[in-house]
Structure formats: structure tokens, C-alpha cells
mmCIF file of all heavy atoms, coordinates in Angstrom:
data_MODEL
# 
_entry.id   MODEL 
# 
loop_
_atom_site.group_PDB 
_atom_site.id 
_atom_site.type_symbol 
_atom_site.label_atom_id 
_atom_site.label_alt_id 
_atom_site.label_comp_id 
_atom_site.label_asym_id 
_atom_site.label_entity_id 
_atom_site.label_seq_id 
_atom_site.pdbx_PDB_ins_code 
_atom_site.Cartn_x 
_atom_site.Cartn_y 
_atom_site.Cartn_z 
_atom_site.occupancy 
_atom_site.B_iso_or_equiv 
_atom_site.pdbx_formal_charge 
_atom_site.auth_seq_id 
_atom_site.auth_comp_id 
_atom_site.auth_asym_id 
_atom_site.auth_atom_id 
_atom_site.pdbx_PDB_model_num 
ATOM 1   N N   . ILE A 1 1  ? 0.852   -1.197  0.000  1.00 0.00 ? 1  ILE A N   1 
ATOM 2   C CA  . ILE A 1 1  ? 0.000   0.000   0.000  1.00 0.00 ? 1  ILE A CA  1 
ATOM 3   C C   . ILE A 1 1  ? 0.883   1.240   0.000  1.00 0.00 ? 1  ILE A C   1 
ATOM 4   O O   . ILE A 1 1  ? 1.862   1.324   0.744  1.00 0.00 ? 1  ILE A O   1 
ATOM 5   C CB  . ILE A 1 1  ? -0.921  0.030   1.234  1.00 0.00 ? 1  ILE A CB  1 
ATOM 6   C CG1 . ILE A 1 1  ? -1.778  -1.226  1.307  1.00 0.00 ? 1  ILE A CG1 1 
ATOM 7   C CG2 . ILE A 1 1  ? -1.783  1.285   1.233  1.00 0.00 ? 1  ILE A CG2 1 
ATOM 8   C CD1 . ILE A 1 1  ? -2.561  -1.335  2.596  1.00 0.00 ? 1  ILE A CD1 1 
ATOM 9   N N   . PHE A 1 2  ? 0.520   2.219   -0.822 1.00 0.00 ? 2  PHE A N   1 
ATOM 10  C CA  . PHE A 1 2  ? 1.138   3.549   -0.773 1.00 0.00 ? 2  PHE A CA  1 
ATOM 11  C C   . PHE A 1 2  ? 0.003   4.557   -0.899 1.00 0.00 ? 2  PHE A C   1 
ATOM 12  O O   . PHE A 1 2  ? -0.469  4.856   -1.989 1.00 0.00 ? 2  PHE A O   1 
ATOM 13  C CB  . PHE A 1 2  ? 2.163   3.717   -1.905 1.00 0.00 ? 2  PHE A CB  1 
ATOM 14  C CG  . PHE A 1 2  ? 2.963   4.992   -1.804 1.00 0.00 ? 2  PHE A CG  1 
ATOM 15  C CD1 . PHE A 1 2  ? 3.773   5.222   -0.708 1.00 0.00 ? 2  PHE A CD1 1 
ATOM 16  C CD2 . PHE A 1 2  ? 2.891   5.956   -2.799 1.00 0.00 ? 2  PHE A CD2 1 
ATOM 17  C CE1 . PHE A 1 2  ? 4.503   6.385   -0.607 1.00 0.00 ? 2  PHE A CE1 1 
ATOM 18  C CE2 . PHE A 1 2  ? 3.618   7.124   -2.705 1.00 0.00 ? 2  PHE A CE2 1 
ATOM 19  C CZ  . PHE A 1 2  ? 4.431   7.341   -1.610 1.00 0.00 ? 2  PHE A CZ  1 
ATOM 20  N N   . SER A 1 3  ? -0.494  5.046   0.271  1.00 0.00 ? 3  SER A N   1 
ATOM 21  C CA  . SER A 1 3  ? -1.701  5.872   0.278  1.00 0.00 ? 3  SER A CA  1 
ATOM 22  C C   . SER A 1 3  ? -1.389  7.284   0.742  1.00 0.00 ? 3  SER A C   1 
ATOM 23  O O   . SER A 1 3  ? -0.481  7.517   1.542  1.00 0.00 ? 3  SER A O   1 
ATOM 24  C CB  . SER A 1 3  ? -2.763  5.256   1.200  1.00 0.00 ? 3  SER A CB  1 
ATOM 25  O OG  . SER A 1 3  ? -2.265  5.116   2.501  1.00 0.00 ? 3  SER A OG  1 
ATOM 26  N N   . ALA A 1 4  ? -2.169  8.261   0.251  1.00 0.00 ? 4  ALA A N   1 
ATOM 27  C CA  . ALA A 1 4  ? -1.965  9.672   0.561  1.00 0.00 ? 4  ALA A CA  1 
ATOM 28  C C   . ALA A 1 4  ? -2.512  10.011  1.943  1.00 0.00 ? 4  ALA A C   1 
ATOM 29  O O   . ALA A 1 4  ? -3.280  9.250   2.546  1.00 0.00 ? 4  ALA A O   1 
ATOM 30  C CB  . ALA A 1 4  ? -2.641  10.528  -0.498 1.00 0.00 ? 4  ALA A CB  1 
ATOM 31  N N   . HIS A 1 5  ? -2.098  11.169  2.446  1.00 0.00 ? 5  HIS A N   1 
ATOM 32  C CA  . HIS A 1 5  ? -2.620  11.693  3.716  1.00 0.00 ? 5  HIS A CA  1 
ATOM 33  C C   . HIS A 1 5  ? -4.129  11.820  3.649  1.00 0.00 ? 5  HIS A C   1 
ATOM 34  O O   . HIS A 1 5  ? -4.696  12.292  2.660  1.00 0.00 ? 5  HIS A O   1 
ATOM 35  C CB  . HIS A 1 5  ? -1.978  13.049  3.996  1.00 0.00 ? 5  HIS A CB  1 
ATOM 36  C CG  . HIS A 1 5  ? -2.577  13.771  5.152  1.00 0.00 ? 5  HIS A CG  1 
ATOM 37  N ND1 . HIS A 1 5  ? -2.325  13.420  6.451  1.00 0.00 ? 5  HIS A ND1 1 
ATOM 38  C CD2 . HIS A 1 5  ? -3.427  14.848  5.189  1.00 0.00 ? 5  HIS A CD2 1 
ATOM 39  C CE1 . HIS A 1 5  ? -2.989  14.239  7.251  1.00 0.00 ? 5  HIS A CE1 1 
ATOM 40  N NE2 . HIS A 1 5  ? -3.649  15.115  6.508  1.00 0.00 ? 5  HIS A NE2 1 
ATOM 41  N N   . GLU A 1 6  ? -4.829  11.350  4.697  1.00 0.00 ? 6  GLU A N   1 
ATOM 42  C CA  . GLU A 1 6  ? -6.284  11.363  4.858  1.00 0.00 ? 6  GLU A CA  1 
ATOM 43  C C   . GLU A 1 6  ? -7.010  10.403  3.915  1.00 0.00 ? 6  GLU A C   1 
ATOM 44  O O   . GLU A 1 6  ? -8.228  10.419  3.832  1.00 0.00 ? 6  GLU A O   1 
ATOM 45  C CB  . GLU A 1 6  ? -6.847  12.789  4.686  1.00 0.00 ? 6  GLU A CB  1 
ATOM 46  C CG  . GLU A 1 6  ? -6.430  13.734  5.810  1.00 0.00 ? 6  GLU A CG  1 
ATOM 47  C CD  . GLU A 1 6  ? -7.110  15.085  5.725  1.00 0.00 ? 6  GLU A CD  1 
ATOM 48  O OE1 . GLU A 1 6  ? -7.570  15.445  4.629  1.00 0.00 ? 6  GLU A OE1 1 
ATOM 49  O OE2 . GLU A 1 6  ? -7.165  15.770  6.764  1.00 0.00 ? 6  GLU A OE2 1 
ATOM 50  N N   . GLU A 1 7  ? -6.286  9.543   3.223  1.00 0.00 ? 7  GLU A N   1 
ATOM 51  C CA  . GLU A 1 7  ? -6.926  8.516   2.399  1.00 0.00 ? 7  GLU A CA  1 
ATOM 52  C C   . GLU A 1 7  ? -7.337  7.361   3.287  1.00 0.00 ? 7  GLU A C   1 
ATOM 53  O O   . GLU A 1 7  ? -6.584  6.919   4.158  1.00 0.00 ? 7  GLU A O   1 
ATOM 54  C CB  . GLU A 1 7  ? -5.974  8.025   1.313  1.00 0.00 ? 7  GLU A CB  1 
ATOM 55  C CG  . GLU A 1 7  ? -6.612  7.004   0.374  1.00 0.00 ? 7  GLU A CG  1 
ATOM 56  C CD  . GLU A 1 7  ? -5.662  6.549   -0.725 1.00 0.00 ? 7  GLU A CD  1 
ATOM 57  O OE1 . GLU A 1 7  ? -4.560  7.146   -0.852 1.00 0.00 ? 7  GLU A OE1 1 
ATOM 58  O OE2 . GLU A 1 7  ? -6.003  5.599   -1.452 1.00 0.00 ? 7  GLU A OE2 1 
ATOM 59  N N   . ARG A 1 8  ? -8.568  6.839   3.067  1.00 0.00 ? 8  ARG A N   1 
ATOM 60  C CA  . ARG A 1 8  ? -9.095  5.736   3.877  1.00 0.00 ? 8  ARG A CA  1 
ATOM 61  C C   . ARG A 1 8  ? -8.848  4.408   3.164  1.00 0.00 ? 8  ARG A C   1 
ATOM 62  O O   . ARG A 1 8  ? -9.081  4.289   1.961  1.00 0.00 ? 8  ARG A O   1 
ATOM 63  C CB  . ARG A 1 8  ? -10.588 5.919   4.141  1.00 0.00 ? 8  ARG A CB  1 
ATOM 64  C CG  . ARG A 1 8  ? -10.882 7.154   4.984  1.00 0.00 ? 8  ARG A CG  1 
ATOM 65  C CD  . ARG A 1 8  ? -12.363 7.278   5.302  1.00 0.00 ? 8  ARG A CD  1 
ATOM 66  N NE  . ARG A 1 8  ? -12.628 8.473   6.084  1.00 0.00 ? 8  ARG A NE  1 
ATOM 67  C CZ  . ARG A 1 8  ? -12.544 8.533   7.412  1.00 0.00 ? 8  ARG A CZ  1 
ATOM 68  N NH1 . ARG A 1 8  ? -12.214 7.444   8.084  1.00 0.00 ? 8  ARG A NH1 1 
ATOM 69  N NH2 . ARG A 1 8  ? -12.797 9.653   8.055  1.00 0.00 ? 8  ARG A NH2 1 
ATOM 70  N N   . ILE A 1 9  ? -8.406  3.405   3.942  1.00 0.00 ? 9  ILE A N   1 
ATOM 71  C CA  . ILE A 1 9  ? -8.106  2.078   3.415  1.00 0.00 ? 9  ILE A CA  1 
ATOM 72  C C   . ILE A 1 9  ? -8.926  1.057   4.199  1.00 0.00 ? 9  ILE A C   1 
ATOM 73  O O   . ILE A 1 9  ? -8.990  1.096   5.424  1.00 0.00 ? 9  ILE A O   1 
ATOM 74  C CB  . ILE A 1 9  ? -6.607  1.751   3.549  1.00 0.00 ? 9  ILE A CB  1 
ATOM 75  C CG1 . ILE A 1 9  ? -5.755  2.783   2.814  1.00 0.00 ? 9  ILE A CG1 1 
ATOM 76  C CG2 . ILE A 1 9  ? -6.314  0.345   3.025  1.00 0.00 ? 9  ILE A CG2 1 
ATOM 77  C CD1 . ILE A 1 9  ? -5.939  2.814   1.323  1.00 0.00 ? 9  ILE A CD1 1 
ATOM 78  N N   . THR A 1 10 ? -9.573  0.128   3.456  1.00 0.00 ? 10 THR A N   1 
ATOM 79  C CA  . THR A 1 10 ? -10.350 -0.928  4.095  1.00 0.00 ? 10 THR A CA  1 
ATOM 80  C C   . THR A 1 10 ? -9.613  -2.246  3.966  1.00 0.00 ? 10 THR A C   1 
ATOM 81  O O   . THR A 1 10 ? -9.233  -2.655  2.866  1.00 0.00 ? 10 THR A O   1 
ATOM 82  C CB  . THR A 1 10 ? -11.743 -1.050  3.463  1.00 0.00 ? 10 THR A CB  1 
ATOM 83  O OG1 . THR A 1 10 ? -12.414 0.209   3.560  1.00 0.00 ? 10 THR A OG1 1 
ATOM 84  C CG2 . THR A 1 10 ? -12.574 -2.107  4.179  1.00 0.00 ? 10 THR A CG2 1 
ATOM 85  N N   . PHE A 1 11 ? -9.390  -2.903  5.106  1.00 0.00 ? 11 PHE A N   1 
ATOM 86  C CA  . PHE A 1 11 ? -8.703  -4.187  5.147  1.00 0.00 ? 11 PHE A CA  1 
ATOM 87  C C   . PHE A 1 11 ? -9.714  -5.313  5.342  1.00 0.00 ? 11 PHE A C   1 
ATOM 88  O O   . PHE A 1 11 ? -10.900 -5.081  5.636  1.00 0.00 ? 11 PHE A O   1 
ATOM 89  C CB  . PHE A 1 11 ? -7.691  -4.206  6.291  1.00 0.00 ? 11 PHE A CB  1 
ATOM 90  C CG  . PHE A 1 11 ? -6.581  -3.210  6.149  1.00 0.00 ? 11 PHE A CG  1 
ATOM 91  C CD1 . PHE A 1 11 ? -6.686  -1.936  6.708  1.00 0.00 ? 11 PHE A CD1 1 
ATOM 92  C CD2 . PHE A 1 11 ? -5.432  -3.534  5.448  1.00 0.00 ? 11 PHE A CD2 1 
ATOM 93  C CE1 . PHE A 1 11 ? -5.661  -1.018  6.570  1.00 0.00 ? 11 PHE A CE1 1 
ATOM 94  C CE2 . PHE A 1 11 ? -4.400  -2.623  5.306  1.00 0.00 ? 11 PHE A CE2 1 
ATOM 95  C CZ  . PHE A 1 11 ? -4.525  -1.362  5.865  1.00 0.00 ? 11 PHE A CZ  1 
ATOM 96  N N   . ALA A 1 12 ? -9.235  -6.548  5.204  1.00 0.00 ? 12 ALA A N   1 
ATOM 97  C CA  . ALA A 1 12 ? -10.036 -7.743  5.485  1.00 0.00 ? 12 ALA A CA  1 
ATOM 98  C C   . ALA A 1 12 ? -9.130  -8.751  6.171  1.00 0.00 ? 12 ALA A C   1 
ATOM 99  O O   . ALA A 1 12 ? -7.906  -8.749  5.987  1.00 0.00 ? 12 ALA A O   1 
ATOM 100 C CB  . ALA A 1 12 ? -10.618 -8.315  4.201  1.00 0.00 ? 12 ALA A CB  1 
ATOM 101 N N   . CYS A 1 13 ? -9.739  -9.620  6.984  1.00 0.00 ? 13 CYS A N   1 
ATOM 102 C CA  . CYS A 1 13 ? -8.965  -10.672 7.626  1.00 0.00 ? 13 CYS A CA  1 
ATOM 103 C C   . CYS A 1 13 ? -8.621  -11.753 6.607  1.00 0.00 ? 13 CYS A C   1 
ATOM 104 O O   . CYS A 1 13 ? -9.420  -12.064 5.716  1.00 0.00 ? 13 CYS A O   1 
ATOM 105 C CB  . CYS A 1 13 ? -9.768  -11.301 8.778  1.00 0.00 ? 13 CYS A CB  1 
ATOM 106 S SG  . CYS A 1 13 ? -9.998  -10.196 10.195 1.00 0.00 ? 13 CYS A SG  1 
ATOM 107 N N   . GLN A 1 14 ? -7.430  -12.305 6.722  1.00 0.00 ? 14 GLN A N   1 
ATOM 108 C CA  . GLN A 1 14 ? -7.046  -13.413 5.865  1.00 0.00 ? 14 GLN A CA  1 
ATOM 109 C C   . GLN A 1 14 ? -7.902  -14.632 6.184  1.00 0.00 ? 14 GLN A C   1 
ATOM 110 O O   . GLN A 1 14 ? -8.484  -14.741 7.262  1.00 0.00 ? 14 GLN A O   1 
ATOM 111 C CB  . GLN A 1 14 ? -5.553  -13.725 6.046  1.00 0.00 ? 14 GLN A CB  1 
ATOM 112 C CG  . GLN A 1 14 ? -4.643  -12.611 5.556  1.00 0.00 ? 14 GLN A CG  1 
ATOM 113 C CD  . GLN A 1 14 ? -3.170  -12.901 5.789  1.00 0.00 ? 14 GLN A CD  1 
ATOM 114 O OE1 . GLN A 1 14 ? -2.812  -13.916 6.393  1.00 0.00 ? 14 GLN A OE1 1 
ATOM 115 N NE2 . GLN A 1 14 ? -2.310  -12.004 5.316  1.00 0.00 ? 14 GLN A NE2 1 
ATOM 116 N N   . ARG A 1 15 ? -7.968  -15.546 5.241  1.00 0.00 ? 15 ARG A N   1 
ATOM 117 C CA  . ARG A 1 15 ? -8.857  -16.713 5.347  1.00 0.00 ? 15 ARG A CA  1 
ATOM 118 C C   . ARG A 1 15 ? -8.596  -17.474 6.662  1.00 0.00 ? 15 ARG A C   1 
ATOM 119 O O   . ARG A 1 15 ? -7.448  -17.775 7.007  1.00 0.00 ? 15 ARG A O   1 
ATOM 120 C CB  . ARG A 1 15 ? -8.633  -17.644 4.161  1.00 0.00 ? 15 ARG A CB  1 
ATOM 121 C CG  . ARG A 1 15 ? -9.552  -18.895 4.151  1.00 0.00 ? 15 ARG A CG  1 
ATOM 122 C CD  . ARG A 1 15 ? -9.173  -19.808 3.010  1.00 0.00 ? 15 ARG A CD  1 
ATOM 123 N NE  . ARG A 1 15 ? -9.430  -19.162 1.733  1.00 0.00 ? 15 ARG A NE  1 
ATOM 124 C CZ  . ARG A 1 15 ? -10.581 -19.215 1.063  1.00 0.00 ? 15 ARG A CZ  1 
ATOM 125 N NH1 . ARG A 1 15 ? -11.600 -19.891 1.573  1.00 0.00 ? 15 ARG A NH1 1 
ATOM 126 N NH2 . ARG A 1 15 ? -10.715 -18.609 -0.094 1.00 0.00 ? 15 ARG A NH2 1 
ATOM 127 N N   . GLY A 1 16 ? -9.669  -17.746 7.396  1.00 0.00 ? 16 GLY A N   1 
ATOM 128 C CA  . GLY A 1 16 ? -9.587  -18.513 8.630  1.00 0.00 ? 16 GLY A CA  1 
ATOM 129 C C   . GLY A 1 16 ? -9.240  -17.690 9.862  1.00 0.00 ? 16 GLY A C   1 
ATOM 130 O O   . GLY A 1 16 ? -9.109  -18.240 10.943 1.00 0.00 ? 16 GLY A O   1 
ATOM 131 N N   . LYS A 1 17 ? -9.065  -16.362 9.714  1.00 0.00 ? 17 LYS A N   1 
ATOM 132 C CA  . LYS A 1 17 ? -8.721  -15.512 10.844 1.00 0.00 ? 17 LYS A CA  1 
ATOM 133 C C   . LYS A 1 17 ? -9.840  -14.523 11.133 1.00 0.00 ? 17 LYS A C   1 
ATOM 134 O O   . LYS A 1 17 ? -10.645 -14.204 10.251 1.00 0.00 ? 17 LYS A O   1 
ATOM 135 C CB  . LYS A 1 17 ? -7.410  -14.772 10.566 1.00 0.00 ? 17 LYS A CB  1 
ATOM 136 C CG  . LYS A 1 17 ? -6.227  -15.712 10.403 1.00 0.00 ? 17 LYS A CG  1 
ATOM 137 C CD  . LYS A 1 17 ? -4.913  -14.953 10.257 1.00 0.00 ? 17 LYS A CD  1 
ATOM 138 C CE  . LYS A 1 17 ? -3.742  -15.923 10.152 1.00 0.00 ? 17 LYS A CE  1 
ATOM 139 N NZ  . LYS A 1 17 ? -2.446  -15.232 10.044 1.00 0.00 ? 17 LYS A NZ  1 
ATOM 140 N N   . TYR A 1 18 ? -9.841  -14.027 12.402 1.00 0.00 ? 18 TYR A N   1 
ATOM 141 C CA  . TYR A 1 18 ? -10.916 -13.142 12.836 1.00 0.00 ? 18 TYR A CA  1 
ATOM 142 C C   . TYR A 1 18 ? -10.328 -11.899 13.504 1.00 0.00 ? 18 TYR A C   1 
ATOM 143 O O   . TYR A 1 18 ? -9.284  -11.953 14.145 1.00 0.00 ? 18 TYR A O   1 
ATOM 144 C CB  . TYR A 1 18 ? -11.845 -13.883 13.811 1.00 0.00 ? 18 TYR A CB  1 
ATOM 145 C CG  . TYR A 1 18 ? -12.486 -15.104 13.199 1.00 0.00 ? 18 TYR A CG  1 
ATOM 146 C CD1 . TYR A 1 18 ? -11.873 -16.357 13.342 1.00 0.00 ? 18 TYR A CD1 1 
ATOM 147 C CD2 . TYR A 1 18 ? -13.664 -15.008 12.465 1.00 0.00 ? 18 TYR A CD2 1 
ATOM 148 C CE1 . TYR A 1 18 ? -12.448 -17.483 12.767 1.00 0.00 ? 18 TYR A CE1 1 
ATOM 149 C CE2 . TYR A 1 18 ? -14.246 -16.134 11.893 1.00 0.00 ? 18 TYR A CE2 1 
ATOM 150 C CZ  . TYR A 1 18 ? -13.632 -17.367 12.038 1.00 0.00 ? 18 TYR A CZ  1 
ATOM 151 O OH  . TYR A 1 18 ? -14.196 -18.471 11.468 1.00 0.00 ? 18 TYR A OH  1 
ATOM 152 N N   . LEU A 1 19 ? -11.032 -10.766 13.359 1.00 0.00 ? 19 LEU A N   1 
ATOM 153 C CA  . LEU A 1 19 ? -10.570 -9.481  13.880 1.00 0.00 ? 19 LEU A CA  1 
ATOM 154 C C   . LEU A 1 19 ? -10.497 -9.512  15.409 1.00 0.00 ? 19 LEU A C   1 
ATOM 155 O O   . LEU A 1 19 ? -11.443 -9.916  16.082 1.00 0.00 ? 19 LEU A O   1 
ATOM 156 C CB  . LEU A 1 19 ? -11.513 -8.365  13.424 1.00 0.00 ? 19 LEU A CB  1 
ATOM 157 C CG  . LEU A 1 19 ? -11.152 -6.946  13.852 1.00 0.00 ? 19 LEU A CG  1 
ATOM 158 C CD1 . LEU A 1 19 ? -9.864  -6.499  13.158 1.00 0.00 ? 19 LEU A CD1 1 
ATOM 159 C CD2 . LEU A 1 19 ? -12.283 -5.970  13.523 1.00 0.00 ? 19 LEU A CD2 1 
ATOM 160 N N   . THR A 1 20 ? -9.332  -9.061  15.939 1.00 0.00 ? 20 THR A N   1 
ATOM 161 C CA  . THR A 1 20 ? -9.160  -9.009  17.396 1.00 0.00 ? 20 THR A CA  1 
ATOM 162 C C   . THR A 1 20 ? -8.806  -7.608  17.893 1.00 0.00 ? 20 THR A C   1 
ATOM 163 O O   . THR A 1 20 ? -9.141  -7.249  19.017 1.00 0.00 ? 20 THR A O   1 
ATOM 164 C CB  . THR A 1 20 ? -8.044  -9.971  17.845 1.00 0.00 ? 20 THR A CB  1 
ATOM 165 O OG1 . THR A 1 20 ? -6.825  -9.618  17.178 1.00 0.00 ? 20 THR A OG1 1 
ATOM 166 C CG2 . THR A 1 20 ? -8.401  -11.418 17.523 1.00 0.00 ? 20 THR A CG2 1 
ATOM 167 N N   . VAL A 1 21 ? -8.130  -6.799  17.084 1.00 0.00 ? 21 VAL A N   1 
ATOM 168 C CA  . VAL A 1 21 ? -7.674  -5.476  17.520 1.00 0.00 ? 21 VAL A CA  1 
ATOM 169 C C   . VAL A 1 21 ? -7.926  -4.455  16.416 1.00 0.00 ? 21 VAL A C   1 
ATOM 170 O O   . VAL A 1 21 ? -7.614  -4.708  15.253 1.00 0.00 ? 21 VAL A O   1 
ATOM 171 C CB  . VAL A 1 21 ? -6.166  -5.489  17.869 1.00 0.00 ? 21 VAL A CB  1 
ATOM 172 C CG1 . VAL A 1 21 ? -5.717  -4.097  18.324 1.00 0.00 ? 21 VAL A CG1 1 
ATOM 173 C CG2 . VAL A 1 21 ? -5.872  -6.509  18.958 1.00 0.00 ? 21 VAL A CG2 1 
ATOM 174 N N   . ASN A 1 22 ? -8.482  -3.280  16.800 1.00 0.00 ? 22 ASN A N   1 
ATOM 175 C CA  . ASN A 1 22 ? -8.702  -2.125  15.919 1.00 0.00 ? 22 ASN A CA  1 
ATOM 176 C C   . ASN A 1 22 ? -9.761  -2.403  14.854 1.00 0.00 ? 22 ASN A C   1 
ATOM 177 O O   . ASN A 1 22 ? -10.261 -3.519  14.717 1.00 0.00 ? 22 ASN A O   1 
ATOM 178 C CB  . ASN A 1 22 ? -7.395  -1.664  15.257 1.00 0.00 ? 22 ASN A CB  1 
ATOM 179 C CG  . ASN A 1 22 ? -6.363  -1.263  16.286 1.00 0.00 ? 22 ASN A CG  1 
ATOM 180 O OD1 . ASN A 1 22 ? -6.696  -0.722  17.333 1.00 0.00 ? 22 ASN A OD1 1 
ATOM 181 N ND2 . ASN A 1 22 ? -5.100  -1.542  15.998 1.00 0.00 ? 22 ASN A ND2 1 
ATOM 182 N N   . GLU A 1 23 ? -10.107 -1.342  14.098 1.00 0.00 ? 23 GLU A N   1 
ATOM 183 C CA  . GLU A 1 23 ? -11.118 -1.419  13.043 1.00 0.00 ? 23 GLU A CA  1 
ATOM 184 C C   . GLU A 1 23 ? -10.474 -1.853  11.735 1.00 0.00 ? 23 GLU A C   1 
ATOM 185 O O   . GLU A 1 23 ? -9.288  -1.624  11.499 1.00 0.00 ? 23 GLU A O   1 
ATOM 186 C CB  . GLU A 1 23 ? -11.763 -0.038  12.854 1.00 0.00 ? 23 GLU A CB  1 
ATOM 187 C CG  . GLU A 1 23 ? -12.398 0.534   14.114 1.00 0.00 ? 23 GLU A CG  1 
ATOM 188 C CD  . GLU A 1 23 ? -13.809 0.025   14.319 1.00 0.00 ? 23 GLU A CD  1 
ATOM 189 O OE1 . GLU A 1 23 ? -14.411 -0.452  13.347 1.00 0.00 ? 23 GLU A OE1 1 
ATOM 190 O OE2 . GLU A 1 23 ? -14.291 0.110   15.457 1.00 0.00 ? 23 GLU A OE2 1 
ATOM 191 N N   . LEU A 1 24 ? -11.293 -2.458  10.849 1.00 0.00 ? 24 LEU A N   1 
ATOM 192 C CA  . LEU A 1 24 ? -10.783 -2.866  9.546  1.00 0.00 ? 24 LEU A CA  1 
ATOM 193 C C   . LEU A 1 24 ? -10.630 -1.683  8.601  1.00 0.00 ? 24 LEU A C   1 
ATOM 194 O O   . LEU A 1 24 ? -9.845  -1.743  7.653  1.00 0.00 ? 24 LEU A O   1 
ATOM 195 C CB  . LEU A 1 24 ? -11.707 -3.916  8.926  1.00 0.00 ? 24 LEU A CB  1 
ATOM 196 C CG  . LEU A 1 24 ? -11.659 -5.316  9.572  1.00 0.00 ? 24 LEU A CG  1 
ATOM 197 C CD1 . LEU A 1 24 ? -12.748 -6.204  8.997  1.00 0.00 ? 24 LEU A CD1 1 
ATOM 198 C CD2 . LEU A 1 24 ? -10.294 -5.949  9.377  1.00 0.00 ? 24 LEU A CD2 1 
ATOM 199 N N   . ARG A 1 25 ? -11.347 -0.596  8.851  1.00 0.00 ? 25 ARG A N   1 
ATOM 200 C CA  . ARG A 1 25 ? -11.252 0.585   8.002  1.00 0.00 ? 25 ARG A CA  1 
ATOM 201 C C   . ARG A 1 25 ? -10.407 1.628   8.738  1.00 0.00 ? 25 ARG A C   1 
ATOM 202 O O   . ARG A 1 25 ? -10.747 2.050   9.839  1.00 0.00 ? 25 ARG A O   1 
ATOM 203 C CB  . ARG A 1 25 ? -12.651 1.149   7.690  1.00 0.00 ? 25 ARG A CB  1 
ATOM 204 C CG  . ARG A 1 25 ? -12.663 2.328   6.736  1.00 0.00 ? 25 ARG A CG  1 
ATOM 205 C CD  . ARG A 1 25 ? -14.111 2.684   6.377  1.00 0.00 ? 25 ARG A CD  1 
ATOM 206 N NE  . ARG A 1 25 ? -14.210 3.906   5.602  1.00 0.00 ? 25 ARG A NE  1 
ATOM 207 C CZ  . ARG A 1 25 ? -14.040 3.998   4.285  1.00 0.00 ? 25 ARG A CZ  1 
ATOM 208 N NH1 . ARG A 1 25 ? -13.773 2.890   3.606  1.00 0.00 ? 25 ARG A NH1 1 
ATOM 209 N NH2 . ARG A 1 25 ? -14.155 5.138   3.647  1.00 0.00 ? 25 ARG A NH2 1 
ATOM 210 N N   . GLN A 1 26 ? -9.289  2.052   8.120  1.00 0.00 ? 26 GLN A N   1 
ATOM 211 C CA  . GLN A 1 26 ? -8.359  2.969   8.758  1.00 0.00 ? 26 GLN A CA  1 
ATOM 212 C C   . GLN A 1 26 ? -8.030  4.122   7.818  1.00 0.00 ? 26 GLN A C   1 
ATOM 213 O O   . GLN A 1 26 ? -8.330  4.073   6.620  1.00 0.00 ? 26 GLN A O   1 
ATOM 214 C CB  . GLN A 1 26 ? -7.075  2.245   9.166  1.00 0.00 ? 26 GLN A CB  1 
ATOM 215 C CG  . GLN A 1 26 ? -7.262  1.191   10.233 1.00 0.00 ? 26 GLN A CG  1 
ATOM 216 C CD  . GLN A 1 26 ? -7.668  1.781   11.572 1.00 0.00 ? 26 GLN A CD  1 
ATOM 217 O OE1 . GLN A 1 26 ? -7.424  2.946   11.844 1.00 0.00 ? 26 GLN A OE1 1 
ATOM 218 N NE2 . GLN A 1 26 ? -8.324  0.977   12.417 1.00 0.00 ? 26 GLN A NE2 1 
ATOM 219 N N   . ILE A 1 27 ? -7.400  5.182   8.401  1.00 0.00 ? 27 ILE A N   1 
ATOM 220 C CA  . ILE A 1 27 ? -7.084  6.376   7.638  1.00 0.00 ? 27 ILE A CA  1 
ATOM 221 C C   . ILE A 1 27 ? -5.601  6.699   7.808  1.00 0.00 ? 27 ILE A C   1 
ATOM 222 O O   . ILE A 1 27 ? -5.027  6.499   8.884  1.00 0.00 ? 27 ILE A O   1 
ATOM 223 C CB  . ILE A 1 27 ? -7.958  7.574   8.096  1.00 0.00 ? 27 ILE A CB  1 
ATOM 224 C CG1 . ILE A 1 27 ? -7.715  8.798   7.202  1.00 0.00 ? 27 ILE A CG1 1 
ATOM 225 C CG2 . ILE A 1 27 ? -7.714  7.912   9.552  1.00 0.00 ? 27 ILE A CG2 1 
ATOM 226 C CD1 . ILE A 1 27 ? -8.697  9.928   7.468  1.00 0.00 ? 27 ILE A CD1 1 
# 
């Protein structure tokens, strides 16, 4: 990833894993 200031990026968990810390959508 190479994103600009204030650009929002949406992540996803890899197969078989579940979210434990922080939000999937970050800035």
C-alpha cells in the first residue's frame, strides 16, 4: 500500500482468521 494523507483504506482478515484489535477501516 502507498496511500496519501487522509486517504481511507479498508482491510479484510485473511482466510480462517478473525478481527481481534482495531477497526478494519483505517485512515
